[in-house]
Amino acid sequence: MRHWINGPLGWIHDRPMTGEETNVVFFRGTSLDALTRGLLDQHRRPRAYGKGDDWGVLLHDMHAWDRAATGDYEGAHYADLCPPGAELAVFVTEPCLAKAHGPWFEYYRDGRLHTALSFESPDDGAGHTPDHFLPAFTEAHLTGPLTEADELDHEERTVEAITRFLGLPELEAAMPSTAP
């Protein structure tokens, strides 16, 4: 099975999802309704959602549905969607497909960016606590120079390290529903 970070999220549990540029947002401490309304206010169409025991997950279009008319090609403003007491773990699966950039990850806590990193260099983070995931990346052998074998699966191992560190559910297991 191909890992979800390695390509467009076109299908979840044999159900089609139109649009290739899909962001994956794991959330806790806020409701699915609040997150959905906030994304709709930013003109981002939710595509699928699910709820685990601790974290929920929502997949949405990366870009605004009216971006051609408005010129809005920026990403969603997740700090606005993360109230006090909430956490968001955001996987931007295709940050710039045209330039062949690898996936991007952002972790928000209490309304502010805690950590952000590119999968191309996970040990070079940004945000309030840029080294937050460094212990997980070190354990997964994702820091320092990568061998040729490491290059082949580093994106999957980066997702797995973040998932373990935060206790996120497996995406496929958390996706029982598809948004209308």
N, C-alpha and C. Protein backbone atom coordinates (compact mmCIF):
# COMPACT_ATOMS: atom_id res chain seq x y z
N MET A 1 0.84 -1.19 0.00
CA MET A 1 0.00 0.00 0.00
C MET A 1 0.88 1.25 0.00
N ARG A 2 0.57 2.19 -0.84
CA ARG A 2 1.32 3.44 -0.91
C ARG A 2 0.92 4.35 0.25
N HIS A 3 1.89 4.91 0.92
CA HIS A 3 1.63 5.77 2.07
C HIS A 3 0.97 7.06 1.60
N TRP A 4 0.04 7.60 2.37
CA TRP A 4 -0.75 8.76 1.95
C TRP A 4 0.08 10.01 1.75
N ILE A 5 1.23 10.15 2.37
CA ILE A 5 2.03 11.35 2.21
C ILE A 5 2.73 11.38 0.84
N ASN A 6 2.79 10.24 0.16
CA ASN A 6 3.51 10.13 -1.10
C ASN A 6 2.69 10.43 -2.34
N GLY A 7 1.64 11.16 -2.23
CA GLY A 7 0.90 11.49 -3.43
C GLY A 7 -0.43 12.11 -3.10
N PRO A 8 -1.16 12.49 -4.13
CA PRO A 8 -2.44 13.14 -3.92
C PRO A 8 -3.40 12.23 -3.16
N LEU A 9 -4.13 12.82 -2.26
CA LEU A 9 -5.13 12.06 -1.50
C LEU A 9 -6.40 11.99 -2.33
N GLY A 10 -6.38 11.19 -3.36
CA GLY A 10 -7.52 11.09 -4.27
C GLY A 10 -8.57 10.12 -3.80
N TRP A 11 -8.20 9.16 -2.93
CA TRP A 11 -9.14 8.15 -2.47
C TRP A 11 -8.91 7.88 -0.99
N ILE A 12 -9.98 7.81 -0.25
CA ILE A 12 -9.93 7.38 1.14
C ILE A 12 -10.98 6.28 1.27
N HIS A 13 -10.56 5.11 1.68
CA HIS A 13 -11.46 3.96 1.82
C HIS A 13 -12.32 3.76 0.57
N ASP A 14 -11.68 3.76 -0.59
CA ASP A 14 -12.34 3.51 -1.87
C ASP A 14 -13.39 4.55 -2.24
N ARG A 15 -13.34 5.74 -1.63
CA ARG A 15 -14.26 6.82 -1.98
C ARG A 15 -13.47 7.93 -2.63
N PRO A 16 -13.93 8.42 -3.79
CA PRO A 16 -13.16 9.47 -4.47
C PRO A 16 -13.24 10.80 -3.74
N MET A 17 -12.13 11.52 -3.77
CA MET A 17 -12.07 12.89 -3.28
C MET A 17 -11.51 13.72 -4.42
N THR A 18 -12.29 14.65 -4.93
CA THR A 18 -11.80 15.47 -6.03
C THR A 18 -10.79 16.47 -5.52
N GLY A 19 -9.88 16.84 -6.36
CA GLY A 19 -8.84 17.79 -5.99
C GLY A 19 -7.62 17.07 -5.47
N GLU A 20 -6.46 17.46 -5.96
CA GLU A 20 -5.24 16.78 -5.56
C GLU A 20 -4.52 17.48 -4.42
N GLU A 21 -4.68 18.77 -4.28
CA GLU A 21 -3.94 19.52 -3.27
C GLU A 21 -4.75 19.55 -1.98
N THR A 22 -4.51 18.54 -1.17
CA THR A 22 -5.29 18.32 0.05
C THR A 22 -4.40 18.43 1.27
N ASN A 23 -4.84 19.20 2.25
CA ASN A 23 -4.15 19.28 3.54
C ASN A 23 -4.84 18.35 4.52
N VAL A 24 -4.06 17.77 5.42
CA VAL A 24 -4.56 16.87 6.44
C VAL A 24 -4.36 17.55 7.78
N VAL A 25 -5.46 17.78 8.52
CA VAL A 25 -5.40 18.47 9.79
C VAL A 25 -5.91 17.56 10.90
N PHE A 26 -5.02 17.16 11.80
CA PHE A 26 -5.41 16.46 13.01
C PHE A 26 -5.69 17.54 14.06
N PHE A 27 -6.75 17.36 14.86
CA PHE A 27 -7.13 18.40 15.81
C PHE A 27 -7.62 17.78 17.12
N ARG A 28 -7.37 18.52 18.20
CA ARG A 28 -7.99 18.18 19.49
C ARG A 28 -8.10 19.46 20.30
N GLY A 29 -9.09 19.48 21.19
CA GLY A 29 -9.33 20.68 21.98
C GLY A 29 -10.20 21.69 21.28
N THR A 30 -10.66 21.39 20.10
CA THR A 30 -11.62 22.20 19.35
C THR A 30 -12.57 21.23 18.66
N SER A 31 -13.71 21.73 18.24
CA SER A 31 -14.71 20.84 17.64
C SER A 31 -14.55 20.78 16.12
N LEU A 32 -15.06 19.70 15.56
CA LEU A 32 -15.09 19.56 14.10
C LEU A 32 -15.90 20.70 13.49
N ASP A 33 -17.01 21.07 14.13
CA ASP A 33 -17.85 22.15 13.63
C ASP A 33 -17.09 23.48 13.58
N ALA A 34 -16.37 23.80 14.65
CA ALA A 34 -15.61 25.07 14.68
C ALA A 34 -14.52 25.07 13.62
N LEU A 35 -13.82 23.96 13.46
CA LEU A 35 -12.75 23.87 12.46
C LEU A 35 -13.34 23.98 11.05
N THR A 36 -14.44 23.28 10.81
CA THR A 36 -15.09 23.32 9.50
C THR A 36 -15.56 24.74 9.17
N ARG A 37 -16.22 25.39 10.12
CA ARG A 37 -16.71 26.75 9.88
C ARG A 37 -15.54 27.71 9.61
N GLY A 38 -14.46 27.56 10.37
CA GLY A 38 -13.29 28.41 10.16
C GLY A 38 -12.68 28.21 8.79
N LEU A 39 -12.60 26.97 8.34
CA LEU A 39 -12.06 26.70 7.00
C LEU A 39 -12.98 27.24 5.91
N LEU A 40 -14.28 27.07 6.11
CA LEU A 40 -15.23 27.62 5.13
C LEU A 40 -15.14 29.14 5.08
N ASP A 41 -14.96 29.78 6.23
CA ASP A 41 -14.77 31.24 6.25
C ASP A 41 -13.54 31.65 5.46
N GLN A 42 -12.53 30.77 5.39
CA GLN A 42 -11.32 31.04 4.62
C GLN A 42 -11.42 30.47 3.20
N HIS A 43 -12.60 30.03 2.81
CA HIS A 43 -12.89 29.50 1.47
C HIS A 43 -12.11 28.22 1.17
N ARG A 44 -11.90 27.40 2.19
CA ARG A 44 -11.26 26.09 2.03
C ARG A 44 -12.34 25.04 2.20
N ARG A 45 -12.53 24.21 1.19
CA ARG A 45 -13.59 23.21 1.18
C ARG A 45 -13.15 21.95 1.94
N PRO A 46 -13.85 21.61 3.04
CA PRO A 46 -13.57 20.33 3.71
C PRO A 46 -13.95 19.17 2.80
N ARG A 47 -13.14 18.12 2.82
CA ARG A 47 -13.38 16.97 1.94
C ARG A 47 -13.75 15.70 2.68
N ALA A 48 -13.15 15.48 3.83
CA ALA A 48 -13.44 14.27 4.60
C ALA A 48 -13.05 14.53 6.04
N TYR A 49 -13.63 13.77 6.94
CA TYR A 49 -13.34 13.96 8.36
C TYR A 49 -13.52 12.65 9.11
N GLY A 50 -12.99 12.60 10.29
CA GLY A 50 -13.14 11.44 11.14
C GLY A 50 -12.79 11.82 12.56
N LYS A 51 -13.10 10.95 13.50
CA LYS A 51 -12.83 11.24 14.90
C LYS A 51 -12.25 10.00 15.55
N GLY A 52 -11.06 10.15 16.13
CA GLY A 52 -10.46 9.07 16.90
C GLY A 52 -10.81 9.26 18.36
N ASP A 53 -10.18 8.48 19.22
CA ASP A 53 -10.44 8.58 20.66
C ASP A 53 -9.95 9.91 21.23
N ASP A 54 -8.84 10.41 20.72
CA ASP A 54 -8.23 11.62 21.25
C ASP A 54 -8.18 12.74 20.20
N TRP A 55 -7.73 12.41 18.99
CA TRP A 55 -7.58 13.37 17.91
C TRP A 55 -8.67 13.13 16.87
N GLY A 56 -9.16 14.22 16.29
CA GLY A 56 -10.00 14.14 15.10
C GLY A 56 -9.13 14.46 13.89
N VAL A 57 -9.66 14.25 12.70
CA VAL A 57 -8.92 14.56 11.48
C VAL A 57 -9.88 15.15 10.46
N LEU A 58 -9.40 16.13 9.71
CA LEU A 58 -10.19 16.75 8.66
C LEU A 58 -9.26 16.98 7.47
N LEU A 59 -9.72 16.59 6.29
CA LEU A 59 -8.99 16.83 5.05
C LEU A 59 -9.70 17.96 4.32
N HIS A 60 -8.92 18.90 3.78
CA HIS A 60 -9.54 20.03 3.08
C HIS A 60 -8.67 20.46 1.91
N ASP A 61 -9.30 21.18 0.98
CA ASP A 61 -8.58 21.74 -0.15
C ASP A 61 -7.54 22.73 0.35
N MET A 62 -6.34 22.66 -0.20
CA MET A 62 -5.27 23.55 0.21
C MET A 62 -5.60 25.00 -0.13
N HIS A 63 -6.12 25.21 -1.32
CA HIS A 63 -6.35 26.57 -1.80
C HIS A 63 -7.82 26.97 -1.69
N ALA A 64 -8.06 28.26 -1.70
CA ALA A 64 -9.42 28.80 -1.68
C ALA A 64 -10.14 28.40 -2.97
N TRP A 65 -11.43 28.12 -2.86
CA TRP A 65 -12.18 27.71 -4.04
C TRP A 65 -12.32 28.83 -5.06
N ASP A 66 -12.15 30.07 -4.65
CA ASP A 66 -12.27 31.20 -5.57
C ASP A 66 -10.92 31.88 -5.80
N ARG A 67 -9.84 31.13 -5.71
CA ARG A 67 -8.50 31.72 -5.77
C ARG A 67 -8.22 32.44 -7.08
N ALA A 68 -8.78 31.97 -8.18
CA ALA A 68 -8.54 32.64 -9.46
C ALA A 68 -9.15 34.04 -9.44
N ALA A 69 -10.30 34.19 -8.80
CA ALA A 69 -10.97 35.49 -8.76
C ALA A 69 -10.36 36.41 -7.69
N THR A 70 -9.95 35.82 -6.57
CA THR A 70 -9.46 36.64 -5.45
C THR A 70 -7.95 36.75 -5.39
N GLY A 71 -7.25 35.87 -6.10
CA GLY A 71 -5.79 35.87 -6.04
C GLY A 71 -5.26 35.28 -4.75
N ASP A 72 -6.09 34.54 -4.01
CA ASP A 72 -5.70 33.95 -2.73
C ASP A 72 -5.03 32.60 -2.97
N TYR A 73 -3.71 32.62 -3.07
CA TYR A 73 -2.96 31.38 -3.25
C TYR A 73 -2.17 31.03 -1.99
N GLU A 74 -2.43 31.74 -0.89
CA GLU A 74 -1.76 31.43 0.37
C GLU A 74 -2.42 30.21 1.00
N GLY A 75 -1.75 29.67 1.99
CA GLY A 75 -2.34 28.57 2.74
C GLY A 75 -3.37 29.08 3.72
N ALA A 76 -4.06 28.16 4.37
CA ALA A 76 -5.03 28.51 5.39
C ALA A 76 -4.31 29.14 6.58
N HIS A 77 -5.01 29.96 7.30
CA HIS A 77 -4.46 30.61 8.50
C HIS A 77 -4.88 29.78 9.71
N TYR A 78 -4.07 28.79 10.05
CA TYR A 78 -4.43 27.83 11.09
C TYR A 78 -4.39 28.42 12.49
N ALA A 79 -3.57 29.42 12.74
CA ALA A 79 -3.54 30.03 14.07
C ALA A 79 -4.93 30.56 14.42
N ASP A 80 -5.66 31.07 13.42
CA ASP A 80 -7.01 31.57 13.65
C ASP A 80 -7.99 30.45 13.98
N LEU A 81 -7.63 29.21 13.65
CA LEU A 81 -8.52 28.05 13.84
C LEU A 81 -8.17 27.26 15.09
N CYS A 82 -7.21 27.74 15.86
CA CYS A 82 -6.68 27.00 17.00
C CYS A 82 -6.90 27.81 18.29
N PRO A 83 -8.07 27.65 18.93
CA PRO A 83 -8.35 28.43 20.14
C PRO A 83 -7.47 27.98 21.32
N PRO A 84 -7.45 28.74 22.39
CA PRO A 84 -6.71 28.32 23.59
C PRO A 84 -7.14 26.93 24.03
N GLY A 85 -6.17 26.10 24.36
CA GLY A 85 -6.44 24.73 24.77
C GLY A 85 -6.49 23.74 23.63
N ALA A 86 -6.37 24.21 22.40
CA ALA A 86 -6.46 23.33 21.23
C ALA A 86 -5.08 23.08 20.63
N GLU A 87 -5.01 22.01 19.84
CA GLU A 87 -3.81 21.67 19.08
C GLU A 87 -4.23 21.30 17.66
N LEU A 88 -3.41 21.69 16.69
CA LEU A 88 -3.59 21.30 15.30
C LEU A 88 -2.26 20.77 14.79
N ALA A 89 -2.30 19.61 14.16
CA ALA A 89 -1.13 19.03 13.50
C ALA A 89 -1.48 18.99 12.01
N VAL A 90 -0.82 19.83 11.22
CA VAL A 90 -1.20 20.05 9.83
C VAL A 90 -0.14 19.51 8.89
N PHE A 91 -0.55 18.60 8.01
CA PHE A 91 0.33 18.08 6.97
C PHE A 91 -0.09 18.72 5.65
N VAL A 92 0.80 19.51 5.09
CA VAL A 92 0.58 20.12 3.77
C VAL A 92 1.27 19.16 2.79
N THR A 93 0.47 18.32 2.15
CA THR A 93 1.04 17.21 1.38
C THR A 93 1.73 17.65 0.10
N GLU A 94 1.29 18.76 -0.49
CA GLU A 94 1.89 19.24 -1.73
C GLU A 94 2.04 20.76 -1.68
N PRO A 95 3.02 21.27 -0.92
CA PRO A 95 3.12 22.71 -0.74
C PRO A 95 3.39 23.49 -2.02
N CYS A 96 4.13 22.91 -2.93
CA CYS A 96 4.37 23.56 -4.22
C CYS A 96 4.70 22.48 -5.23
N LEU A 97 3.67 21.87 -5.74
CA LEU A 97 3.83 20.76 -6.66
C LEU A 97 4.65 21.16 -7.89
N ALA A 98 4.44 22.38 -8.38
CA ALA A 98 5.14 22.83 -9.59
C ALA A 98 6.65 22.90 -9.37
N LYS A 99 7.08 23.20 -8.16
CA LYS A 99 8.51 23.30 -7.87
C LYS A 99 9.06 22.02 -7.24
N ALA A 100 8.22 21.00 -7.12
CA ALA A 100 8.61 19.69 -6.60
C ALA A 100 9.14 19.76 -5.16
N HIS A 101 8.58 20.66 -4.35
CA HIS A 101 8.95 20.70 -2.94
C HIS A 101 8.29 19.54 -2.20
N GLY A 102 8.97 19.05 -1.19
CA GLY A 102 8.41 17.98 -0.37
C GLY A 102 7.32 18.51 0.54
N PRO A 103 6.63 17.60 1.23
CA PRO A 103 5.57 18.01 2.15
C PRO A 103 6.09 18.94 3.25
N TRP A 104 5.16 19.61 3.90
CA TRP A 104 5.43 20.58 4.95
C TRP A 104 4.56 20.19 6.14
N PHE A 105 5.02 20.47 7.35
CA PHE A 105 4.26 20.16 8.56
C PHE A 105 4.24 21.38 9.48
N GLU A 106 3.08 21.64 10.08
CA GLU A 106 2.93 22.72 11.06
C GLU A 106 2.20 22.19 12.28
N TYR A 107 2.68 22.55 13.45
CA TYR A 107 2.04 22.16 14.71
C TYR A 107 1.68 23.42 15.47
N TYR A 108 0.38 23.58 15.74
CA TYR A 108 -0.14 24.74 16.45
C TYR A 108 -0.63 24.32 17.83
N ARG A 109 -0.41 25.21 18.79
CA ARG A 109 -0.87 24.99 20.15
C ARG A 109 -1.35 26.32 20.70
N ASP A 110 -2.56 26.34 21.23
CA ASP A 110 -3.11 27.55 21.86
C ASP A 110 -3.10 28.76 20.93
N GLY A 111 -3.40 28.56 19.66
CA GLY A 111 -3.52 29.68 18.73
C GLY A 111 -2.23 30.22 18.16
N ARG A 112 -1.13 29.50 18.38
CA ARG A 112 0.12 30.01 17.80
C ARG A 112 0.93 28.86 17.22
N LEU A 113 1.74 29.21 16.23
CA LEU A 113 2.60 28.23 15.59
C LEU A 113 3.67 27.79 16.58
N HIS A 114 3.65 26.52 16.90
CA HIS A 114 4.62 25.97 17.84
C HIS A 114 5.86 25.50 17.09
N THR A 115 5.65 24.73 16.02
CA THR A 115 6.75 24.18 15.22
C THR A 115 6.30 24.04 13.77
N ALA A 116 7.18 24.35 12.85
CA ALA A 116 6.94 24.13 11.42
C ALA A 116 8.21 23.56 10.82
N LEU A 117 8.05 22.68 9.84
CA LEU A 117 9.24 22.09 9.22
C LEU A 117 8.92 21.55 7.84
N SER A 118 9.93 21.53 7.02
CA SER A 118 9.86 20.93 5.71
C SER A 118 10.32 19.48 5.82
N PHE A 119 9.68 18.59 5.11
CA PHE A 119 10.12 17.20 5.10
C PHE A 119 11.49 17.06 4.44
N GLU A 120 11.89 18.07 3.68
CA GLU A 120 13.20 18.03 3.03
C GLU A 120 14.33 18.18 4.05
N SER A 121 14.06 18.83 5.17
CA SER A 121 15.05 18.98 6.25
C SER A 121 14.32 19.05 7.59
N PRO A 122 13.80 17.91 8.07
CA PRO A 122 12.97 17.92 9.28
C PRO A 122 13.69 18.40 10.54
N ASP A 123 15.03 18.32 10.56
CA ASP A 123 15.74 18.77 11.76
C ASP A 123 16.06 20.27 11.72
N ASP A 124 15.48 21.00 10.76
CA ASP A 124 15.68 22.44 10.63
C ASP A 124 14.32 23.12 10.73
N GLY A 125 13.73 23.13 11.93
CA GLY A 125 12.39 23.64 12.13
C GLY A 125 12.33 25.14 12.31
N ALA A 126 11.11 25.64 12.37
CA ALA A 126 10.83 27.05 12.62
C ALA A 126 9.71 27.13 13.64
N GLY A 127 9.36 28.33 14.05
CA GLY A 127 8.28 28.51 15.00
C GLY A 127 8.79 28.77 16.41
N HIS A 128 7.87 28.80 17.36
CA HIS A 128 8.19 29.09 18.76
C HIS A 128 9.17 28.06 19.35
N THR A 129 8.98 26.79 19.02
CA THR A 129 9.85 25.71 19.51
C THR A 129 10.30 24.88 18.30
N PRO A 130 11.28 25.36 17.55
CA PRO A 130 11.66 24.70 16.29
C PRO A 130 12.20 23.28 16.46
N ASP A 131 12.75 22.95 17.62
CA ASP A 131 13.33 21.62 17.84
C ASP A 131 12.39 20.66 18.57
N HIS A 132 11.11 20.97 18.62
CA HIS A 132 10.14 20.18 19.37
C HIS A 132 10.17 18.69 18.99
N PHE A 133 10.29 18.39 17.71
CA PHE A 133 10.24 17.01 17.24
C PHE A 133 11.62 16.38 17.08
N LEU A 134 12.67 17.11 17.42
CA LEU A 134 14.03 16.60 17.23
C LEU A 134 14.27 15.25 17.91
N PRO A 135 13.80 15.00 19.13
CA PRO A 135 14.01 13.67 19.72
C PRO A 135 13.39 12.55 18.87
N ALA A 136 12.20 12.79 18.34
CA ALA A 136 11.54 11.78 17.50
C ALA A 136 12.30 11.58 16.20
N PHE A 137 12.80 12.66 15.60
CA PHE A 137 13.54 12.55 14.35
C PHE A 137 14.89 11.88 14.56
N THR A 138 15.53 12.15 15.68
CA THR A 138 16.81 11.50 15.99
C THR A 138 16.59 10.00 16.17
N GLU A 139 15.56 9.63 16.90
CA GLU A 139 15.25 8.20 17.11
C GLU A 139 14.96 7.50 15.78
N ALA A 140 14.32 8.21 14.85
CA ALA A 140 13.97 7.62 13.55
C ALA A 140 15.10 7.75 12.53
N HIS A 141 16.26 8.24 12.96
CA HIS A 141 17.43 8.42 12.09
C HIS A 141 17.12 9.34 10.91
N LEU A 142 16.45 10.46 11.21
CA LEU A 142 16.10 11.44 10.18
C LEU A 142 16.94 12.71 10.29
N THR A 143 17.88 12.74 11.20
CA THR A 143 18.73 13.92 11.36
C THR A 143 20.09 13.65 10.73
N GLY A 144 20.77 14.71 10.37
CA GLY A 144 22.08 14.56 9.74
C GLY A 144 21.96 14.10 8.31
N PRO A 145 23.10 13.73 7.72
CA PRO A 145 23.07 13.29 6.32
C PRO A 145 22.30 11.98 6.17
N LEU A 146 21.50 11.91 5.11
CA LEU A 146 20.72 10.70 4.84
C LEU A 146 21.47 9.82 3.84
N THR A 147 21.38 8.52 4.05
CA THR A 147 21.94 7.58 3.08
C THR A 147 20.97 7.49 1.90
N GLU A 148 21.42 6.84 0.84
CA GLU A 148 20.55 6.68 -0.32
C GLU A 148 19.30 5.88 0.05
N ALA A 149 19.46 4.87 0.89
CA ALA A 149 18.31 4.08 1.34
C ALA A 149 17.35 4.94 2.17
N ASP A 150 17.89 5.84 3.01
CA ASP A 150 17.06 6.73 3.82
C ASP A 150 16.24 7.66 2.94
N GLU A 151 16.81 8.10 1.84
CA GLU A 151 16.13 9.04 0.94
C GLU A 151 14.84 8.44 0.38
N LEU A 152 14.83 7.12 0.19
CA LEU A 152 13.69 6.48 -0.45
C LEU A 152 12.42 6.53 0.40
N ASP A 153 12.55 6.50 1.72
CA ASP A 153 11.36 6.45 2.56
C ASP A 153 11.35 7.51 3.65
N HIS A 154 12.13 8.58 3.48
CA HIS A 154 12.21 9.56 4.57
C HIS A 154 10.89 10.28 4.82
N GLU A 155 10.06 10.48 3.81
CA GLU A 155 8.78 11.14 4.04
C GLU A 155 7.87 10.28 4.89
N GLU A 156 7.80 8.98 4.59
CA GLU A 156 6.98 8.08 5.39
C GLU A 156 7.49 8.01 6.83
N ARG A 157 8.80 7.95 6.99
CA ARG A 157 9.38 7.87 8.33
C ARG A 157 9.19 9.18 9.09
N THR A 158 9.16 10.31 8.40
CA THR A 158 8.90 11.59 9.05
C THR A 158 7.46 11.61 9.58
N VAL A 159 6.51 11.18 8.75
CA VAL A 159 5.11 11.10 9.20
C VAL A 159 5.00 10.17 10.39
N GLU A 160 5.64 9.01 10.31
CA GLU A 160 5.56 8.04 11.40
C GLU A 160 6.16 8.60 12.69
N ALA A 161 7.27 9.33 12.60
CA ALA A 161 7.89 9.90 13.80
C ALA A 161 6.97 10.96 14.43
N ILE A 162 6.38 11.82 13.61
CA ILE A 162 5.46 12.83 14.12
C ILE A 162 4.22 12.16 14.72
N THR A 163 3.69 11.17 14.02
CA THR A 163 2.50 10.46 14.48
C THR A 163 2.73 9.81 15.84
N ARG A 164 3.84 9.12 15.98
CA ARG A 164 4.17 8.48 17.27
C ARG A 164 4.35 9.53 18.36
N PHE A 165 5.09 10.59 18.06
CA PHE A 165 5.41 11.61 19.06
C PHE A 165 4.15 12.29 19.60
N LEU A 166 3.18 12.58 18.73
CA LEU A 166 1.95 13.26 19.14
C LEU A 166 0.82 12.29 19.51
N GLY A 167 0.99 11.02 19.19
CA GLY A 167 -0.08 10.05 19.44
C GLY A 167 -1.24 10.22 18.48
N LEU A 168 -0.94 10.59 17.23
CA LEU A 168 -1.98 10.76 16.21
C LEU A 168 -2.49 9.40 15.77
N PRO A 169 -3.78 9.31 15.41
CA PRO A 169 -4.29 8.04 14.87
C PRO A 169 -3.79 7.84 13.44
N GLU A 170 -3.82 6.61 12.98
CA GLU A 170 -3.51 6.33 11.58
C GLU A 170 -4.60 6.99 10.73
N LEU A 171 -4.21 7.65 9.66
CA LEU A 171 -5.16 8.40 8.84
C LEU A 171 -6.27 7.52 8.32
N GLU A 172 -5.94 6.39 7.73
CA GLU A 172 -6.96 5.53 7.13
C GLU A 172 -7.94 5.02 8.18
N ALA A 173 -7.47 4.73 9.38
CA ALA A 173 -8.34 4.22 10.45
C ALA A 173 -9.24 5.31 11.00
N ALA A 174 -8.85 6.58 10.86
CA ALA A 174 -9.62 7.68 11.43
C ALA A 174 -10.61 8.29 10.44
N MET A 175 -10.75 7.72 9.24
CA MET A 175 -11.55 8.33 8.18
C MET A 175 -12.86 7.59 7.88
N PRO A 176 -13.79 7.48 8.83
CA PRO A 176 -15.03 6.77 8.54
C PRO A 176 -16.03 7.56 7.72
N SER A 177 -15.86 8.87 7.59
CA SER A 177 -16.87 9.71 6.95
C SER A 177 -16.28 10.52 5.81
N THR A 178 -17.10 10.90 4.87
CA THR A 178 -16.70 11.80 3.80
C THR A 178 -17.60 13.03 3.84
N ALA A 179 -17.03 14.19 3.76
CA ALA A 179 -17.81 15.42 3.82
C ALA A 179 -18.67 15.55 2.57
N PRO A 180 -19.82 16.19 2.69
CA PRO A 180 -20.71 16.37 1.53
C PRO A 180 -20.11 17.28 0.48
